[in-house]
Amino acid sequence: GFLTSTDFINGLQEDFIPFHVGYAFTKTFLF
């Protein structure tokens, strides 16, 4: 009951930077 599904999905899509996923996978390979 903290927020609606629409609000959560809008937040997921807001200012998404694909490089952040690449950064996470770069770390993962080294880890």
PDB file of all heavy atoms in Angstrom:
ATOM      1  N   GLY A   1       0.785  -1.222   0.000  1.00  0.00           N
ATOM      2  CA  GLY A   1       0.000   0.000   0.000  1.00  0.00           C
ATOM      3  C   GLY A   1       0.821   1.277   0.000  1.00  0.00           C
ATOM      4  O   GLY A   1       0.297   2.357   0.300  1.00  0.00           O
ATOM      5  N   PHE A   2       2.105   1.199  -0.357  1.00  0.00           N
ATOM      6  CA  PHE A   2       2.950   2.388  -0.347  1.00  0.00           C
ATOM      7  C   PHE A   2       2.813   3.220  -1.611  1.00  0.00           C
ATOM      8  O   PHE A   2       3.032   4.428  -1.600  1.00  0.00           O
ATOM      9  CB  PHE A   2       4.416   1.991  -0.158  1.00  0.00           C
ATOM     10  CG  PHE A   2       4.695   1.320   1.157  1.00  0.00           C
ATOM     11  CD1 PHE A   2       4.904  -0.040   1.225  1.00  0.00           C
ATOM     12  CD2 PHE A   2       4.735   2.050   2.334  1.00  0.00           C
ATOM     13  CE1 PHE A   2       5.158  -0.677   2.424  1.00  0.00           C
ATOM     14  CE2 PHE A   2       4.988   1.432   3.542  1.00  0.00           C
ATOM     15  CZ  PHE A   2       5.201   0.065   3.595  1.00  0.00           C
ATOM     16  N   LEU A   3       2.488   2.580  -2.740  1.00  0.00           N
ATOM     17  CA  LEU A   3       2.316   3.291  -4.006  1.00  0.00           C
ATOM     18  C   LEU A   3       1.582   2.377  -4.976  1.00  0.00           C
ATOM     19  O   LEU A   3       1.421   1.178  -4.714  1.00  0.00           O
ATOM     20  CB  LEU A   3       3.653   3.726  -4.599  1.00  0.00           C
ATOM     21  CG  LEU A   3       4.551   2.671  -5.288  1.00  0.00           C
ATOM     22  CD1 LEU A   3       5.704   3.373  -5.986  1.00  0.00           C
ATOM     23  CD2 LEU A   3       5.097   1.644  -4.334  1.00  0.00           C
ATOM     24  N   THR A   4       1.140   2.963  -6.073  1.00  0.00           N
ATOM     25  CA  THR A   4       0.441   2.161  -7.074  1.00  0.00           C
ATOM     26  C   THR A   4       1.444   1.505  -8.014  1.00  0.00           C
ATOM     27  O   THR A   4       2.610   1.922  -8.101  1.00  0.00           O
ATOM     28  CB  THR A   4      -0.516   3.037  -7.892  1.00  0.00           C
ATOM     29  OG1 THR A   4       0.251   3.999  -8.639  1.00  0.00           O
ATOM     30  CG2 THR A   4      -1.501   3.767  -6.988  1.00  0.00           C
ATOM     31  N   SER A   5       0.984   0.503  -8.732  1.00  0.00           N
ATOM     32  CA  SER A   5       1.841  -0.181  -9.694  1.00  0.00           C
ATOM     33  C   SER A   5       2.313   0.780 -10.786  1.00  0.00           C
ATOM     34  O   SER A   5       3.471   0.728 -11.225  1.00  0.00           O
ATOM     35  CB  SER A   5       1.097  -1.358 -10.317  1.00  0.00           C
ATOM     36  OG  SER A   5       1.885  -2.008 -11.283  1.00  0.00           O
ATOM     37  N   THR A   6       1.438   1.684 -11.198  1.00  0.00           N
ATOM     38  CA  THR A   6       1.800   2.654 -12.239  1.00  0.00           C
ATOM     39  C   THR A   6       2.920   3.568 -11.773  1.00  0.00           C
ATOM     40  O   THR A   6       3.872   3.844 -12.518  1.00  0.00           O
ATOM     41  CB  THR A   6       0.572   3.498 -12.629  1.00  0.00           C
ATOM     42  OG1 THR A   6      -0.474   2.640 -13.081  1.00  0.00           O
ATOM     43  CG2 THR A   6       0.926   4.498 -13.721  1.00  0.00           C
ATOM     44  N   ASP A   7       2.817   4.051 -10.508  1.00  0.00           N
ATOM     45  CA  ASP A   7       3.868   4.918  -9.970  1.00  0.00           C
ATOM     46  C   ASP A   7       5.209   4.183  -9.912  1.00  0.00           C
ATOM     47  O   ASP A   7       6.262   4.747 -10.230  1.00  0.00           O
ATOM     48  CB  ASP A   7       3.491   5.406  -8.564  1.00  0.00           C
ATOM     49  CG  ASP A   7       2.399   6.464  -8.593  1.00  0.00           C
ATOM     50  OD1 ASP A   7       2.254   7.119  -9.646  1.00  0.00           O
ATOM     51  OD2 ASP A   7       1.696   6.624  -7.576  1.00  0.00           O
ATOM     52  N   PHE A   8       5.190   2.922  -9.489  1.00  0.00           N
ATOM     53  CA  PHE A   8       6.433   2.158  -9.366  1.00  0.00           C
ATOM     54  C   PHE A   8       7.079   1.952 -10.741  1.00  0.00           C
ATOM     55  O   PHE A   8       8.290   2.151 -10.907  1.00  0.00           O
ATOM     56  CB  PHE A   8       6.155   0.802  -8.709  1.00  0.00           C
ATOM     57  CG  PHE A   8       7.397   0.038  -8.346  1.00  0.00           C
ATOM     58  CD1 PHE A   8       8.018   0.226  -7.119  1.00  0.00           C
ATOM     59  CD2 PHE A   8       7.951  -0.874  -9.234  1.00  0.00           C
ATOM     60  CE1 PHE A   8       9.164  -0.468  -6.792  1.00  0.00           C
ATOM     61  CE2 PHE A   8       9.093  -1.577  -8.915  1.00  0.00           C
ATOM     62  CZ  PHE A   8       9.712  -1.374  -7.687  1.00  0.00           C
ATOM     63  N   ILE A   9       6.264   1.583 -11.733  1.00  0.00           N
ATOM     64  CA  ILE A   9       6.796   1.347 -13.077  1.00  0.00           C
ATOM     65  C   ILE A   9       7.303   2.641 -13.695  1.00  0.00           C
ATOM     66  O   ILE A   9       8.335   2.661 -14.375  1.00  0.00           O
ATOM     67  CB  ILE A   9       5.714   0.691 -13.963  1.00  0.00           C
ATOM     68  CG1 ILE A   9       5.414  -0.720 -13.446  1.00  0.00           C
ATOM     69  CG2 ILE A   9       6.171   0.637 -15.419  1.00  0.00           C
ATOM     70  CD1 ILE A   9       4.257  -1.397 -14.137  1.00  0.00           C
ATOM     71  N   ASN A  10       6.593   3.752 -13.449  1.00  0.00           N
ATOM     72  CA  ASN A  10       7.073   5.055 -13.937  1.00  0.00           C
ATOM     73  C   ASN A  10       8.431   5.391 -13.324  1.00  0.00           C
ATOM     74  O   ASN A  10       9.315   5.943 -13.989  1.00  0.00           O
ATOM     75  CB  ASN A  10       6.064   6.154 -13.614  1.00  0.00           C
ATOM     76  CG  ASN A  10       4.818   6.064 -14.485  1.00  0.00           C
ATOM     77  OD1 ASN A  10       4.842   5.479 -15.569  1.00  0.00           O
ATOM     78  ND2 ASN A  10       3.721   6.639 -14.007  1.00  0.00           N
ATOM     79  N   GLY A  11       8.596   5.063 -12.047  1.00  0.00           N
ATOM     80  CA  GLY A  11       9.880   5.304 -11.381  1.00  0.00           C
ATOM     81  C   GLY A  11      10.986   4.435 -11.957  1.00  0.00           C
ATOM     82  O   GLY A  11      12.131   4.882 -12.091  1.00  0.00           O
ATOM     83  N   LEU A  12      10.653   3.204 -12.326  1.00  0.00           N
ATOM     84  CA  LEU A  12      11.653   2.317 -12.938  1.00  0.00           C
ATOM     85  C   LEU A  12      12.152   2.876 -14.268  1.00  0.00           C
ATOM     86  O   LEU A  12      13.323   2.732 -14.620  1.00  0.00           O
ATOM     87  CB  LEU A  12      11.062   0.922 -13.168  1.00  0.00           C
ATOM     88  CG  LEU A  12      10.753   0.061 -11.946  1.00  0.00           C
ATOM     89  CD1 LEU A  12      10.189  -1.278 -12.388  1.00  0.00           C
ATOM     90  CD2 LEU A  12      12.003  -0.155 -11.097  1.00  0.00           C
ATOM     91  N   GLN A  13      11.252   3.503 -15.022  1.00  0.00           N
ATOM     92  CA  GLN A  13      11.602   4.011 -16.347  1.00  0.00           C
ATOM     93  C   GLN A  13      12.217   5.411 -16.312  1.00  0.00           C
ATOM     94  O   GLN A  13      12.816   5.833 -17.297  1.00  0.00           O
ATOM     95  CB  GLN A  13      10.347   4.029 -17.234  1.00  0.00           C
ATOM     96  CG  GLN A  13       9.743   2.651 -17.455  1.00  0.00           C
ATOM     97  CD  GLN A  13       8.415   2.705 -18.178  1.00  0.00           C
ATOM     98  OE1 GLN A  13       7.741   3.740 -18.178  1.00  0.00           O
ATOM     99  NE2 GLN A  13       8.022   1.598 -18.791  1.00  0.00           N
ATOM    100  N   GLU A  14      12.123   6.088 -15.195  1.00  0.00           N
ATOM    101  CA  GLU A  14      12.561   7.480 -15.097  1.00  0.00           C
ATOM    102  C   GLU A  14      14.088   7.593 -15.111  1.00  0.00           C
ATOM    103  O   GLU A  14      14.790   6.951 -14.331  1.00  0.00           O
ATOM    104  CB  GLU A  14      12.016   8.089 -13.796  1.00  0.00           C
ATOM    105  CG  GLU A  14      12.306   9.574 -13.645  1.00  0.00           C
ATOM    106  CD  GLU A  14      11.689  10.135 -12.375  1.00  0.00           C
ATOM    107  OE1 GLU A  14      10.825   9.446 -11.789  1.00  0.00           O
ATOM    108  OE2 GLU A  14      12.070  11.235 -11.969  1.00  0.00           O
ATOM    109  N   ASP A  15      14.604   8.425 -16.027  1.00  0.00           N
ATOM    110  CA  ASP A  15      16.045   8.725 -16.121  1.00  0.00           C
ATOM    111  C   ASP A  15      16.900   7.460 -16.146  1.00  0.00           C
ATOM    112  O   ASP A  15      17.955   7.390 -15.501  1.00  0.00           O
ATOM    113  CB  ASP A  15      16.481   9.617 -14.946  1.00  0.00           C
ATOM    114  CG  ASP A  15      15.873  10.995 -15.000  1.00  0.00           C
ATOM    115  OD1 ASP A  15      15.579  11.468 -16.107  1.00  0.00           O
ATOM    116  OD2 ASP A  15      15.679  11.598 -13.937  1.00  0.00           O
ATOM    117  N   PHE A  16      16.477   6.461 -16.888  1.00  0.00           N
ATOM    118  CA  PHE A  16      17.248   5.218 -16.960  1.00  0.00           C
ATOM    119  C   PHE A  16      18.494   5.425 -17.815  1.00  0.00           C
ATOM    120  O   PHE A  16      18.418   5.946 -18.930  1.00  0.00           O
ATOM    121  CB  PHE A  16      16.398   4.089 -17.548  1.00  0.00           C
ATOM    122  CG  PHE A  16      17.154   2.810 -17.742  1.00  0.00           C
ATOM    123  CD1 PHE A  16      17.606   2.089 -16.643  1.00  0.00           C
ATOM    124  CD2 PHE A  16      17.427   2.340 -19.023  1.00  0.00           C
ATOM    125  CE1 PHE A  16      18.316   0.895 -16.812  1.00  0.00           C
ATOM    126  CE2 PHE A  16      18.128   1.152 -19.195  1.00  0.00           C
ATOM    127  CZ  PHE A  16      18.573   0.432 -18.091  1.00  0.00           C
ATOM    128  N   ILE A  17      19.643   5.008 -17.289  1.00  0.00           N
ATOM    129  CA  ILE A  17      20.927   5.128 -17.995  1.00  0.00           C
ATOM    130  C   ILE A  17      21.445   3.718 -18.274  1.00  0.00           C
ATOM    131  O   ILE A  17      21.838   3.006 -17.345  1.00  0.00           O
ATOM    132  CB  ILE A  17      21.947   5.922 -17.161  1.00  0.00           C
ATOM    133  CG1 ILE A  17      21.401   7.318 -16.845  1.00  0.00           C
ATOM    134  CG2 ILE A  17      23.279   6.025 -17.902  1.00  0.00           C
ATOM    135  CD1 ILE A  17      22.290   8.127 -15.911  1.00  0.00           C
ATOM    136  N   PRO A  18      21.435   3.263 -19.527  1.00  0.00           N
ATOM    137  CA  PRO A  18      21.868   1.889 -19.834  1.00  0.00           C
ATOM    138  C   PRO A  18      23.287   1.581 -19.363  1.00  0.00           C
ATOM    139  O   PRO A  18      23.597   0.420 -19.052  1.00  0.00           O
ATOM    140  CB  PRO A  18      21.757   1.826 -21.365  1.00  0.00           C
ATOM    141  CG  PRO A  18      20.732   2.860 -21.712  1.00  0.00           C
ATOM    142  CD  PRO A  18      20.921   3.967 -20.716  1.00  0.00           C
ATOM    143  N   PHE A  19      24.155   2.602 -19.292  1.00  0.00           N
ATOM    144  CA  PHE A  19      25.536   2.356 -18.864  1.00  0.00           C
ATOM    145  C   PHE A  19      25.604   1.794 -17.452  1.00  0.00           C
ATOM    146  O   PHE A  19      26.550   1.069 -17.127  1.00  0.00           O
ATOM    147  CB  PHE A  19      26.339   3.664 -18.936  1.00  0.00           C
ATOM    148  CG  PHE A  19      27.750   3.522 -18.408  1.00  0.00           C
ATOM    149  CD1 PHE A  19      28.704   2.816 -19.129  1.00  0.00           C
ATOM    150  CD2 PHE A  19      28.100   4.065 -17.181  1.00  0.00           C
ATOM    151  CE1 PHE A  19      29.992   2.675 -18.638  1.00  0.00           C
ATOM    152  CE2 PHE A  19      29.379   3.919 -16.682  1.00  0.00           C
ATOM    153  CZ  PHE A  19      30.337   3.230 -17.418  1.00  0.00           C
ATOM    154  N   HIS A  20      24.615   2.099 -16.626  1.00  0.00           N
ATOM    155  CA  HIS A  20      24.618   1.589 -15.260  1.00  0.00           C
ATOM    156  C   HIS A  20      24.550   0.060 -15.239  1.00  0.00           C
ATOM    157  O   HIS A  20      25.157  -0.577 -14.371  1.00  0.00           O
ATOM    158  CB  HIS A  20      23.448   2.180 -14.470  1.00  0.00           C
ATOM    159  CG  HIS A  20      23.659   3.606 -14.098  1.00  0.00           C
ATOM    160  ND1 HIS A  20      22.654   4.400 -13.564  1.00  0.00           N
ATOM    161  CD2 HIS A  20      24.748   4.400 -14.175  1.00  0.00           C
ATOM    162  CE1 HIS A  20      23.126   5.608 -13.331  1.00  0.00           C
ATOM    163  NE2 HIS A  20      24.397   5.636 -13.696  1.00  0.00           N
ATOM    164  N   VAL A  21      23.826  -0.508 -16.187  1.00  0.00           N
ATOM    165  CA  VAL A  21      23.769  -1.974 -16.279  1.00  0.00           C
ATOM    166  C   VAL A  21      25.125  -2.520 -16.715  1.00  0.00           C
ATOM    167  O   VAL A  21      25.621  -3.518 -16.171  1.00  0.00           O
ATOM    168  CB  VAL A  21      22.666  -2.417 -17.250  1.00  0.00           C
ATOM    169  CG1 VAL A  21      22.637  -3.938 -17.380  1.00  0.00           C
ATOM    170  CG2 VAL A  21      21.305  -1.900 -16.776  1.00  0.00           C
ATOM    171  N   GLY A  22      25.752  -1.848 -17.695  1.00  0.00           N
ATOM    172  CA  GLY A  22      27.087  -2.254 -18.121  1.00  0.00           C
ATOM    173  C   GLY A  22      28.106  -2.135 -16.997  1.00  0.00           C
ATOM    174  O   GLY A  22      28.987  -3.000 -16.844  1.00  0.00           O
ATOM    175  N   TYR A  23      27.974  -1.082 -16.197  1.00  0.00           N
ATOM    176  CA  TYR A  23      28.860  -0.896 -15.033  1.00  0.00           C
ATOM    177  C   TYR A  23      28.684  -2.045 -14.044  1.00  0.00           C
ATOM    178  O   TYR A  23      29.675  -2.589 -13.519  1.00  0.00           O
ATOM    179  CB  TYR A  23      28.533   0.447 -14.377  1.00  0.00           C
ATOM    180  CG  TYR A  23      28.869   0.558 -12.915  1.00  0.00           C
ATOM    181  CD1 TYR A  23      30.172   0.783 -12.491  1.00  0.00           C
ATOM    182  CD2 TYR A  23      27.867   0.456 -11.952  1.00  0.00           C
ATOM    183  CE1 TYR A  23      30.479   0.885 -11.137  1.00  0.00           C
ATOM    184  CE2 TYR A  23      28.164   0.559 -10.600  1.00  0.00           C
ATOM    185  CZ  TYR A  23      29.468   0.778 -10.204  1.00  0.00           C
ATOM    186  OH  TYR A  23      29.763   0.879  -8.863  1.00  0.00           O
ATOM    187  N   ALA A  24      27.442  -2.436 -13.804  1.00  0.00           N
ATOM    188  CA  ALA A  24      27.172  -3.523 -12.860  1.00  0.00           C
ATOM    189  C   ALA A  24      27.756  -4.840 -13.358  1.00  0.00           C
ATOM    190  O   ALA A  24      28.355  -5.610 -12.585  1.00  0.00           O
ATOM    191  CB  ALA A  24      25.662  -3.666 -12.641  1.00  0.00           C
ATOM    192  N   PHE A  25      27.637  -5.119 -14.659  1.00  0.00           N
ATOM    193  CA  PHE A  25      28.169  -6.366 -15.202  1.00  0.00           C
ATOM    194  C   PHE A  25      29.691  -6.350 -15.273  1.00  0.00           C
ATOM    195  O   PHE A  25      30.335  -7.394 -15.147  1.00  0.00           O
ATOM    196  CB  PHE A  25      27.569  -6.656 -16.577  1.00  0.00           C
ATOM    197  CG  PHE A  25      26.168  -7.184 -16.510  1.00  0.00           C
ATOM    198  CD1 PHE A  25      25.160  -6.627 -17.275  1.00  0.00           C
ATOM    199  CD2 PHE A  25      25.845  -8.239 -15.672  1.00  0.00           C
ATOM    200  CE1 PHE A  25      23.861  -7.112 -17.221  1.00  0.00           C
ATOM    201  CE2 PHE A  25      24.547  -8.735 -15.604  1.00  0.00           C
ATOM    202  CZ  PHE A  25      23.558  -8.168 -16.373  1.00  0.00           C
ATOM    203  N   THR A  26      30.269  -5.176 -15.483  1.00  0.00           N
ATOM    204  CA  THR A  26      31.735  -5.072 -15.442  1.00  0.00           C
ATOM    205  C   THR A  26      32.253  -5.440 -14.060  1.00  0.00           C
ATOM    206  O   THR A  26      33.226  -6.197 -13.917  1.00  0.00           O
ATOM    207  CB  THR A  26      32.179  -3.636 -15.801  1.00  0.00           C
ATOM    208  OG1 THR A  26      31.726  -3.302 -17.114  1.00  0.00           O
ATOM    209  CG2 THR A  26      33.700  -3.515 -15.754  1.00  0.00           C
ATOM    210  N   LYS A  27      31.596  -4.910 -13.033  1.00  0.00           N
ATOM    211  CA  LYS A  27      31.974  -5.281 -11.667  1.00  0.00           C
ATOM    212  C   LYS A  27      31.801  -6.775 -11.442  1.00  0.00           C
ATOM    213  O   LYS A  27      32.648  -7.432 -10.825  1.00  0.00           O
ATOM    214  CB  LYS A  27      31.115  -4.522 -10.647  1.00  0.00           C
ATOM    215  CG  LYS A  27      31.374  -3.043 -10.545  1.00  0.00           C
ATOM    216  CD  LYS A  27      30.880  -2.474  -9.231  1.00  0.00           C
ATOM    217  CE  LYS A  27      29.423  -2.702  -9.000  1.00  0.00           C
ATOM    218  NZ  LYS A  27      28.966  -2.060  -7.738  1.00  0.00           N
ATOM    219  N   THR A  28      30.703  -7.302 -11.958  1.00  0.00           N
ATOM    220  CA  THR A  28      30.391  -8.708 -11.716  1.00  0.00           C
ATOM    221  C   THR A  28      31.451  -9.633 -12.310  1.00  0.00           C
ATOM    222  O   THR A  28      31.838 -10.626 -11.683  1.00  0.00           O
ATOM    223  CB  THR A  28      29.014  -9.038 -12.310  1.00  0.00           C
ATOM    224  OG1 THR A  28      28.023  -8.195 -11.706  1.00  0.00           O
ATOM    225  CG2 THR A  28      28.644 -10.479 -12.041  1.00  0.00           C
ATOM    226  N   PHE A  29      31.932  -9.323 -13.512  1.00  0.00           N
ATOM    227  CA  PHE A  29      32.970 -10.159 -14.131  1.00  0.00           C
ATOM    228  C   PHE A  29      34.235 -10.180 -13.280  1.00  0.00           C
ATOM    229  O   PHE A  29      34.846 -11.240 -13.074  1.00  0.00           O
ATOM    230  CB  PHE A  29      33.290  -9.651 -15.536  1.00  0.00           C
ATOM    231  CG  PHE A  29      32.394 -10.216 -16.607  1.00  0.00           C
ATOM    232  CD1 PHE A  29      31.503  -9.405 -17.279  1.00  0.00           C
ATOM    233  CD2 PHE A  29      32.459 -11.565 -16.942  1.00  0.00           C
ATOM    234  CE1 PHE A  29      30.677  -9.924 -18.266  1.00  0.00           C
ATOM    235  CE2 PHE A  29      31.638 -12.093 -17.930  1.00  0.00           C
ATOM    236  CZ  PHE A  29      30.747 -11.271 -18.602  1.00  0.00           C
ATOM    237  N   LEU A  30      34.632  -9.012 -12.774  1.00  0.00           N
ATOM    238  CA  LEU A  30      35.835  -8.956 -11.935  1.00  0.00           C
ATOM    239  C   LEU A  30      35.599  -9.658 -10.601  1.00  0.00           C
ATOM    240  O   LEU A  30      36.485 -10.358 -10.091  1.00  0.00           O
ATOM    241  CB  LEU A  30      36.247  -7.502 -11.722  1.00  0.00           C
ATOM    242  CG  LEU A  30      36.796  -6.797 -12.967  1.00  0.00           C
ATOM    243  CD1 LEU A  30      37.081  -5.329 -12.668  1.00  0.00           C
ATOM    244  CD2 LEU A  30      38.065  -7.478 -13.463  1.00  0.00           C
ATOM    245  N   PHE A  31      34.415  -9.468 -10.022  1.00  0.00           N
ATOM    246  CA  PHE A  31      34.102 -10.163  -8.768  1.00  0.00           C
ATOM    247  C   PHE A  31      34.115 -11.676  -8.977  1.00  0.00           C
ATOM    248  O   PHE A  31      34.564 -12.421  -8.109  1.00  0.00           O
ATOM    249  CB  PHE A  31      32.726  -9.726  -8.253  1.00  0.00           C
ATOM    250  CG  PHE A  31      32.656  -8.294  -7.811  1.00  0.00           C
ATOM    251  CD1 PHE A  31      31.428  -7.667  -7.613  1.00  0.00           C
ATOM    252  CD2 PHE A  31      33.802  -7.558  -7.575  1.00  0.00           C
ATOM    253  CE1 PHE A  31      31.353  -6.355  -7.203  1.00  0.00           C
ATOM    254  CE2 PHE A  31      33.744  -6.227  -7.163  1.00  0.00           C
ATOM    255  CZ  PHE A  31      32.511  -5.634  -6.985  1.00  0.00           C
TER     256      PHE A  31
END
